[in-house]
C-alpha atoms as a PDB file:
ATOM      1  CA  ARG A   1       0.000   0.000   0.000  1.00  0.00           C
ATOM      2  CA  ARG A   2       2.808   2.428   0.813  1.00  0.00           C
ATOM      3  CA  SER A   3       4.401   1.717  -2.565  1.00  0.00           C
ATOM      4  CA  VAL A   4       1.137   2.365  -4.412  1.00  0.00           C
ATOM      5  CA  VAL A   5       0.583   5.624  -2.482  1.00  0.00           C
ATOM      6  CA  ARG A   6       4.157   6.735  -3.246  1.00  0.00           C
ATOM      7  CA  ILE A   7       3.689   6.049  -6.987  1.00  0.00           C
ATOM      8  CA  ALA A   8       0.358   7.893  -6.983  1.00  0.00           C
ATOM      9  CA  ASP A   9       1.946  10.900  -5.249  1.00  0.00           C
ATOM     10  CA  ARG A  10       4.741  10.970  -7.796  1.00  0.00           C
ATOM     11  CA  LEU A  11       2.238  10.889 -10.667  1.00  0.00           C
ATOM     12  CA  ALA A  12       0.134  13.622  -9.095  1.00  0.00           C
ATOM     13  CA  TYR A  13       2.807  15.951  -7.657  1.00  0.00           C
ATOM     14  CA  GLY A  14       5.989  15.003  -9.514  1.00  0.00           C
ATOM     15  CA  ASP A  15       9.299  15.822  -7.749  1.00  0.00           C
ATOM     16  CA  ARG A  16       7.457  17.775  -5.041  1.00  0.00           C
ATOM     17  CA  ALA A  17       6.380  14.479  -3.440  1.00  0.00           C
ATOM     18  CA  ALA A  18       9.943  13.301  -2.771  1.00  0.00           C
ATOM     19  CA  PRO A  19      10.769  15.769   0.052  1.00  0.00           C
ATOM     20  CA  TYR A  20       7.554  14.986   1.850  1.00  0.00           C
ATOM     21  CA  ASP A  21       8.266  11.278   1.517  1.00  0.00           C
ATOM     22  CA  ALA A  22      11.423  12.038   3.466  1.00  0.00           C
ATOM     23  CA  LEU A  23       9.386  14.024   6.000  1.00  0.00           C
ATOM     24  CA  ALA A  24       6.976  11.110   6.471  1.00  0.00           C
ATOM     25  CA  ALA A  25       9.896   8.718   6.922  1.00  0.00           C
ATOM     26  CA  PHE A  26      11.451  11.127   9.440  1.00  0.00           C
ATOM     27  CA  SER A  27       8.201  11.256  11.396  1.00  0.00           C
ATOM     28  CA  ARG A  28       8.115   7.472  11.587  1.00  0.00           C
ATOM     29  CA  ARG A  29      11.730   7.299  12.755  1.00  0.00           C
ATOM     30  CA  ILE A  30      11.396   9.805  15.589  1.00  0.00           C
ATOM     31  CA  GLY A  31       8.032   8.351  16.599  1.00  0.00           C
ATOM     32  CA  GLY A  32       9.841   5.631  18.487  1.00  0.00           C
ATOM     33  CA  SER A  33      11.466   8.237  20.821  1.00  0.00           C
ATOM     34  CA  PRO A  34      15.068   7.221  20.153  1.00  0.00           C
ATOM     35  CA  ALA A  35      17.879   8.044  22.545  1.00  0.00           C
ATOM     36  CA  PRO A  36      19.715  11.381  22.127  1.00  0.00           C
ATOM     37  CA  GLY A  37      22.643   9.552  20.566  1.00  0.00           C
ATOM     38  CA  GLN A  38      20.347   8.256  17.774  1.00  0.00           C
ATOM     39  CA  LEU A  39      17.967  11.201  17.569  1.00  0.00           C
ATOM     40  CA  LEU A  40      20.438  13.855  16.431  1.00  0.00           C
ATOM     41  CA  PRO A  41      21.827  11.772  13.525  1.00  0.00           C
ATOM     42  CA  THR A  42      18.244  11.039  12.441  1.00  0.00           C
ATOM     43  CA  ILE A  43      17.356  14.747  12.336  1.00  0.00           C
ATOM     44  CA  ALA A  44      20.589  15.618  10.525  1.00  0.00           C
ATOM     45  CA  ALA A  45      20.020  12.916   7.889  1.00  0.00           C
ATOM     46  CA  ALA A  46      16.388  13.955   7.319  1.00  0.00           C
ATOM     47  CA  ALA A  47      17.260  17.631   6.882  1.00  0.00           C
ATOM     48  CA  GLY A  48      20.283  16.963   4.702  1.00  0.00           C
ATOM     49  CA  GLU A  49      18.505  14.525   2.421  1.00  0.00           C
ATOM     50  CA  ALA A  50      15.399  16.728   2.143  1.00  0.00           C
ATOM     51  CA  VAL A  51      17.295  19.636   0.532  1.00  0.00           C
ATOM     52  CA  ARG A  52      20.197  17.620  -0.918  1.00  0.00           C
ATOM     53  CA  ALA A  53      22.747  19.472   1.194  1.00  0.00           C
ATOM     54  CA  ASP A  54      26.463  18.734   1.268  1.00  0.00           C
ATOM     55  CA  ARG A  55      26.462  18.728   5.057  1.00  0.00           C
ATOM     56  CA  ALA A  56      23.977  18.993   7.903  1.00  0.00           C
ATOM     57  CA  VAL A  57      24.834  19.735  11.521  1.00  0.00           C
ATOM     58  CA  VAL A  58      22.287  19.399  14.337  1.00  0.00           C
ATOM     59  CA  ARG A  59      23.028  21.019  17.696  1.00  0.00           C
ATOM     60  CA  LEU A  60      21.179  20.411  20.939  1.00  0.00           C
ATOM     61  CA  ASP A  61      21.851  23.155  23.454  1.00  0.00           C
ATOM     62  CA  GLY A  62      22.706  21.670  26.831  1.00  0.00           C
ATOM     63  CA  ASP A  63      23.427  22.864  30.342  1.00  0.00           C
ATOM     64  CA  ASP A  64      26.807  23.959  31.716  1.00  0.00           C
ATOM     65  CA  ARG A  65      28.339  20.759  30.398  1.00  0.00           C
ATOM     66  CA  GLY A  66      28.004  22.022  26.806  1.00  0.00           C
ATOM     67  CA  GLU A  67      26.013  21.077  23.720  1.00  0.00           C
ATOM     68  CA  LEU A  68      25.492  17.879  21.747  1.00  0.00           C
ATOM     69  CA  THR A  69      26.158  17.858  18.006  1.00  0.00           C
ATOM     70  CA  SER A  70      25.715  15.402  15.167  1.00  0.00           C
ATOM     71  CA  THR A  71      26.698  15.699  11.507  1.00  0.00           C
ATOM     72  CA  TRP A  72      25.490  14.225   8.229  1.00  0.00           C
ATOM     73  CA  PRO A  73      26.956  12.457   6.320  1.00  0.00           C
ATOM     74  CA  PRO A  74      28.418  10.482   9.242  1.00  0.00           C
ATOM     75  CA  GLY A  75      32.020  11.317   9.964  1.00  0.00           C
ATOM     76  CA  THR A  76      31.799  14.846   8.588  1.00  0.00           C
ATOM     77  CA  PRO A  77      33.648  17.288  10.896  1.00  0.00           C
ATOM     78  CA  SER A  78      31.500  19.758  12.792  1.00  0.00           C
ATOM     79  CA  SER A  79      32.278  23.474  12.631  1.00  0.00           C
ATOM     80  CA  GLU A  80      30.688  26.846  13.249  1.00  0.00           C
ATOM     81  CA  PRO A  81      28.155  28.049  10.637  1.00  0.00           C
ATOM     82  CA  ALA A  82      29.723  29.800   7.670  1.00  0.00           C
ATOM     83  CA  ASP A  83      28.316  32.818   5.836  1.00  0.00           C
ATOM     84  CA  GLY A  84      26.576  30.772   3.140  1.00  0.00           C
ATOM     85  CA  ASP A  85      25.093  28.158   5.471  1.00  0.00           C
ATOM     86  CA  VAL A  86      21.382  27.935   6.177  1.00  0.00           C
ATOM     87  CA  VAL A  87      20.571  27.878   9.907  1.00  0.00           C
ATOM     88  CA  VAL A  88      17.117  26.687  10.965  1.00  0.00           C
ATOM     89  CA  PRO A  89      16.348  27.193  14.675  1.00  0.00           C
ATOM     90  CA  VAL A  90      14.628  24.364  16.518  1.00  0.00           C
ATOM     91  CA  GLN A  91      12.364  25.826  19.179  1.00  0.00           C
ATOM     92  CA  ASP A  92       9.075  25.430  20.954  1.00  0.00           C
ATOM     93  CA  ARG A  93       7.015  27.610  23.269  1.00  0.00           C
ATOM     94  CA  SER A  94       9.574  27.236  26.049  1.00  0.00           C
ATOM     95  CA  GLY A  95      12.463  28.595  23.990  1.00  0.00           C
ATOM     96  CA  VAL A  96      15.233  27.603  21.605  1.00  0.00           C
ATOM     97  CA  LEU A  97      16.347  23.982  21.879  1.00  0.00           C
ATOM     98  CA  GLY A  98      19.017  23.882  19.208  1.00  0.00           C
ATOM     99  CA  SER A  99      19.547  24.416  15.484  1.00  0.00           C
ATOM    100  CA  ILE A 100      19.937  22.697  12.130  1.00  0.00           C
ATOM    101  CA  THR A 101      22.784  24.051  10.004  1.00  0.00           C
ATOM    102  CA  LEU A 102      22.858  23.112   6.302  1.00  0.00           C
ATOM    103  CA  THR A 103      25.753  23.582   3.887  1.00  0.00           C
ATOM    104  CA  LEU A 104      24.434  23.633   0.320  1.00  0.00           C
ATOM    105  CA  PRO A 105      26.377  23.091  -2.908  1.00  0.00           C
ATOM    106  CA  PRO A 106      28.002  26.246  -4.311  1.00  0.00           C
ATOM    107  CA  GLY A 107      25.575  28.463  -6.205  1.00  0.00           C
ATOM    108  CA  ARG A 108      22.462  26.755  -4.859  1.00  0.00           C
ATOM    109  CA  GLY A 109      19.939  28.279  -2.495  1.00  0.00           C
ATOM    110  CA  VAL A 110      16.957  27.004  -0.545  1.00  0.00           C
ATOM    111  CA  ARG A 111      13.699  27.254  -2.432  1.00  0.00           C
ATOM    112  CA  PRO A 112      10.450  28.317  -0.700  1.00  0.00           C
ATOM    113  CA  LEU A 113       9.131  24.763  -0.794  1.00  0.00           C
ATOM    114  CA  GLU A 114      12.310  23.552   0.902  1.00  0.00           C
ATOM    115  CA  HIS A 115      12.030  26.340   3.487  1.00  0.00           C
ATOM    116  CA  ARG A 116       8.588  25.066   4.433  1.00  0.00           C
ATOM    117  CA  LEU A 117       9.888  21.498   4.516  1.00  0.00           C
ATOM    118  CA  LEU A 118      12.757  22.470   6.848  1.00  0.00           C
ATOM    119  CA  SER A 119      10.304  24.331   9.064  1.00  0.00           C
ATOM    120  CA  ASP A 120       8.157  21.196   9.275  1.00  0.00           C
ATOM    121  CA  ILE A 121      11.199  19.083  10.140  1.00  0.00           C
ATOM    122  CA  ALA A 122      12.269  21.587  12.805  1.00  0.00           C
ATOM    123  CA  GLU A 123       8.762  21.650  14.266  1.00  0.00           C
ATOM    124  CA  GLN A 124       8.644  17.879  14.569  1.00  0.00           C
ATOM    125  CA  ALA A 125      12.213  17.755  15.875  1.00  0.00           C
ATOM    126  CA  ALA A 126      11.395  20.285  18.618  1.00  0.00           C
ATOM    127  CA  LEU A 127       9.266  17.849  20.585  1.00  0.00           C
ATOM    128  CA  ALA A 128      11.837  15.084  20.226  1.00  0.00           C
ATOM    129  CA  LEU A 129      14.690  17.413  21.261  1.00  0.00           C
ATOM    130  CA  ARG A 130      12.682  18.629  24.251  1.00  0.00           C
ATOM    131  CA  ASN A 131      12.263  15.032  25.379  1.00  0.00           C
ATOM    132  CA  ALA A 132      15.964  14.389  24.747  1.00  0.00           C
ATOM    133  CA  ARG A 133      16.953  17.402  26.840  1.00  0.00           C
ATOM    134  CA  LEU A 134      14.674  16.234  29.658  1.00  0.00           C
ATOM    135  CA  GLN A 135      16.334  12.820  29.523  1.00  0.00           C
ATOM    136  CA  ILE A 136      19.769  14.419  29.695  1.00  0.00           C
ATOM    137  CA  GLU A 137      18.757  16.649  32.611  1.00  0.00           C
ATOM    138  CA  LEU A 138      17.188  13.693  34.410  1.00  0.00           C
ATOM    139  CA  ALA A 139      20.357  11.621  33.932  1.00  0.00           C
ATOM    140  CA  ALA A 140      22.431  14.530  35.267  1.00  0.00           C
ATOM    141  CA  ARG A 141      20.144  14.857  38.293  1.00  0.00           C
ATOM    142  CA  VAL A 142      20.428  11.119  38.950  1.00  0.00           C
ATOM    143  CA  ARG A 143      24.221  11.406  38.818  1.00  0.00           C
ATOM    144  CA  GLN A 144      24.085  14.293  41.289  1.00  0.00           C
ATOM    145  CA  LEU A 145      21.883  12.301  43.649  1.00  0.00           C
ATOM    146  CA  ASP A 146      24.231   9.319  43.391  1.00  0.00           C
ATOM    147  CA  GLN A 147      27.193  11.575  44.174  1.00  0.00           C
ATOM    148  CA  ARG A 148      25.407  13.087  47.172  1.00  0.00           C
ATOM    149  CA  THR A 149      24.441   9.619  48.376  1.00  0.00           C
ATOM    150  CA  ARG A 150      28.068   8.502  48.199  1.00  0.00           C
ATOM    151  CA  GLU A 151      29.168  11.645  50.030  1.00  0.00           C
ATOM    152  CA  LEU A 152      26.554  11.078  52.752  1.00  0.00           C
ATOM    153  CA  MET A 153      27.620   7.455  53.125  1.00  0.00           C
ATOM    154  CA  ALA A 154      31.266   8.508  53.390  1.00  0.00           C
ATOM    155  CA  SER A 155      30.350  11.163  55.967  1.00  0.00           C
ATOM    156  CA  ARG A 156      28.293   8.646  57.940  1.00  0.00           C
ATOM    157  CA  ASN A 157      31.174   6.183  57.903  1.00  0.00           C
ATOM    158  CA  ARG A 158      33.531   8.900  59.151  1.00  0.00           C
ATOM    159  CA  VAL A 159      31.125   9.730  61.982  1.00  0.00           C
ATOM    160  CA  ILE A 160      30.811   6.047  62.905  1.00  0.00           C
ATOM    161  CA  ASP A 161      34.578   5.588  62.781  1.00  0.00           C
ATOM    162  CA  ALA A 162      35.081   8.667  64.948  1.00  0.00           C
ATOM    163  CA  ALA A 163      32.492   7.407  67.449  1.00  0.00           C
ATOM    164  CA  ASP A 164      34.133   3.975  67.559  1.00  0.00           C
ATOM    165  CA  THR A 165      37.555   5.549  68.049  1.00  0.00           C
ATOM    166  CA  GLU A 166      36.256   7.748  70.851  1.00  0.00           C
ATOM    167  CA  ARG A 167      34.507   4.793  72.475  1.00  0.00           C
ATOM    168  CA  ARG A 168      37.696   2.722  72.394  1.00  0.00           C
ATOM    169  CA  ARG A 169      39.654   5.644  73.835  1.00  0.00           C
ATOM    170  CA  LEU A 170      37.098   6.078  76.634  1.00  0.00           C
ATOM    171  CA  GLU A 171      37.168   2.376  77.432  1.00  0.00           C
ATOM    172  CA  SER A 172      40.958   2.448  77.523  1.00  0.00           C
ATOM    173  CA  GLU A 173      41.056   5.500  79.811  1.00  0.00           C
ATOM    174  CA  ILE A 174      38.449   4.012  82.165  1.00  0.00           C
ATOM    175  CA  GLY A 175      40.383   0.753  82.256  1.00  0.00           C
ATOM    176  CA  ARG A 176      43.598   2.621  83.049  1.00  0.00           C
ATOM    177  CA  ARG A 177      42.383   5.313  85.505  1.00  0.00           C
ATOM    178  CA  VAL A 178      39.222   3.980  87.161  1.00  0.00           C
ATOM    179  CA  LEU A 179      38.947   0.197  87.122  1.00  0.00           C
ATOM    180  CA  PRO A 180      42.257  -0.596  88.900  1.00  0.00           C
ATOM    181  CA  THR A 181      41.245   1.664  91.790  1.00  0.00           C
ATOM    182  CA  MET A 182      37.808   0.065  91.994  1.00  0.00           C
ATOM    183  CA  GLU A 183      39.322  -3.415  91.989  1.00  0.00           C
ATOM    184  CA  ARG A 184      41.629  -2.526  94.897  1.00  0.00           C
ATOM    185  CA  LEU A 185      38.756  -0.921  96.772  1.00  0.00           C
ATOM    186  CA  ARG A 186      36.643  -4.042  96.316  1.00  0.00           C
ATOM    187  CA  GLU A 187      39.416  -6.196  97.735  1.00  0.00           C
ATOM    188  CA  GLU A 188      40.079  -3.888 100.687  1.00  0.00           C
ATOM    189  CA  VAL A 189      36.399  -3.593 101.523  1.00  0.00           C
ATOM    190  CA  GLY A 190      36.137  -7.400 101.431  1.00  0.00           C
ATOM    191  CA  ASP A 191      39.098  -7.750 103.739  1.00  0.00           C
ATOM    192  CA  SER A 192      37.678  -5.132 106.108  1.00  0.00           C
ATOM    193  CA  ALA A 193      34.371  -6.976 106.314  1.00  0.00           C
ATOM    194  CA  THR A 194      36.084 -10.008 107.844  1.00  0.00           C
ATOM    195  CA  GLY A 195      38.065  -8.091 110.440  1.00  0.00           C
ATOM    196  CA  GLU A 196      37.913  -4.972 112.479  1.00  0.00           C
ATOM    197  CA  ALA A 197      37.905  -1.982 110.190  1.00  0.00           C
ATOM    198  CA  ARG A 198      40.130   0.898 111.223  1.00  0.00           C
ATOM    199  CA  ALA A 199      38.990   4.458 110.827  1.00  0.00           C
ATOM    200  CA  ASP A 200      42.133   5.508 108.937  1.00  0.00           C
ATOM    201  CA  ARG A 201      41.725   2.653 106.447  1.00  0.00           C
ATOM    202  CA  ILE A 202      38.091   3.509 105.912  1.00  0.00           C
ATOM    203  CA  GLY A 203      39.066   7.114 105.248  1.00  0.00           C
ATOM    204  CA  GLU A 204      41.721   5.947 102.783  1.00  0.00           C
ATOM    205  CA  CYS A 205      39.095   3.902 100.892  1.00  0.00           C
ATOM    206  CA  VAL A 206      36.782   6.918 100.795  1.00  0.00           C
ATOM    207  CA  ASP A 207      39.589   9.059  99.355  1.00  0.00           C
ATOM    208  CA  ARG A 208      40.350   6.455  96.682  1.00  0.00           C
ATOM    209  CA  ALA A 209      36.688   6.152  95.776  1.00  0.00           C
ATOM    210  CA  THR A 210      36.444   9.943  95.520  1.00  0.00           C
ATOM    211  CA  VAL A 211      39.466  10.075  93.216  1.00  0.00           C
ATOM    212  CA  ALA A 212      38.040   7.286  91.038  1.00  0.00           C
ATOM    213  CA  LEU A 213      34.664   9.034  90.863  1.00  0.00           C
ATOM    214  CA  ASP A 214      36.288  12.351  89.919  1.00  0.00           C
ATOM    215  CA  SER A 215      38.270  10.600  87.170  1.00  0.00           C
ATOM    216  CA  LEU A 216      35.119   8.925  85.878  1.00  0.00           C
ATOM    217  CA  ARG A 217      33.260  12.242  85.844  1.00  0.00           C
ATOM    218  CA  GLU A 218      36.124  13.908  83.991  1.00  0.00           C
ATOM    219  CA  LEU A 219      36.247  11.160  81.376  1.00  0.00           C
ATOM    220  CA  THR A 220      32.488  11.037  80.793  1.00  0.00           C
ATOM    221  CA  ARG A 221      31.886  14.801  80.704  1.00  0.00           C
ATOM    222  CA  GLY A 222      29.798  15.678  77.604  1.00  0.00           C
ATOM    223  CA  ILE A 223      28.677  12.104  76.861  1.00  0.00           C
ATOM    224  CA  TYR A 224      24.945  11.849  76.268  1.00  0.00           C
ATOM    225  CA  PRO A 225      23.561   8.974  78.383  1.00  0.00           C
ATOM    226  CA  THR A 226      21.260   6.643  76.468  1.00  0.00           C
ATOM    227  CA  MET A 227      19.490   5.917  79.738  1.00  0.00           C
ATOM    228  CA  LEU A 228      18.140   9.473  79.631  1.00  0.00           C
ATOM    229  CA  THR A 229      16.220   8.687  76.430  1.00  0.00           C
ATOM    230  CA  ARG A 230      15.103   5.259  77.563  1.00  0.00           C
ATOM    231  CA  SER A 231      14.045   5.854  81.170  1.00  0.00           C
ATOM    232  CA  GLY A 232      14.122   9.551  81.933  1.00  0.00           C
ATOM    233  CA  LEU A 233      16.143  11.890  84.139  1.00  0.00           C
ATOM    234  CA  GLY A 234      15.891  10.024  87.431  1.00  0.00           C
ATOM    235  CA  PRO A 235      17.373   6.645  86.363  1.00  0.00           C
ATOM    236  CA  ALA A 236      19.957   8.460  84.228  1.00  0.00           C
ATOM    237  CA  LEU A 237      21.207  10.419  87.205  1.00  0.00           C
END
């Protein structure tokens, strides 16, 4: 059926049907919402073939990371528009999305029919380029979120490592400055319970306990007690 319709269009409209055959084929190709890496070459090929240009360059304006470009025929170097090039802006209601730059053979211009055809191609390409830009921006936002997630995980690990280091230091200081005194006090109090306790020895034990308590208070100053959250102020104290 497509072949019969194409032959009928050629018989009815002559060479004027060929550009719009290319436009119909272009519409079918971008209808599948290709990725930005495939979309730009498709637009460049459609525009270049429609007006029989020597070269076509499609640019998609990007963010701070720069713009995306594609050339037709494939492998043709990209360059800034020259004086004789035809530049067709690709835009929608939100603004300019990019451009289509065409380099025509020497001495040849763009006819009014081809101007309308390029305008139709640019209009159809605008929606596809808008979707492509949204995909690029979404991918960039995902990369930013991944980077922030990694930074938060690294920060959390540093906090955990610092807390573990501080906990080990506190345990070491308590074991060095408090526990030996408490062990000796426990032994002396046990010995005193079996015999007659002297007042001077009891006073010595009180002094040692006071020193151990002062050391414990000094070491634990600024530490938030979990018992305060669990049971309240009274049990925590």
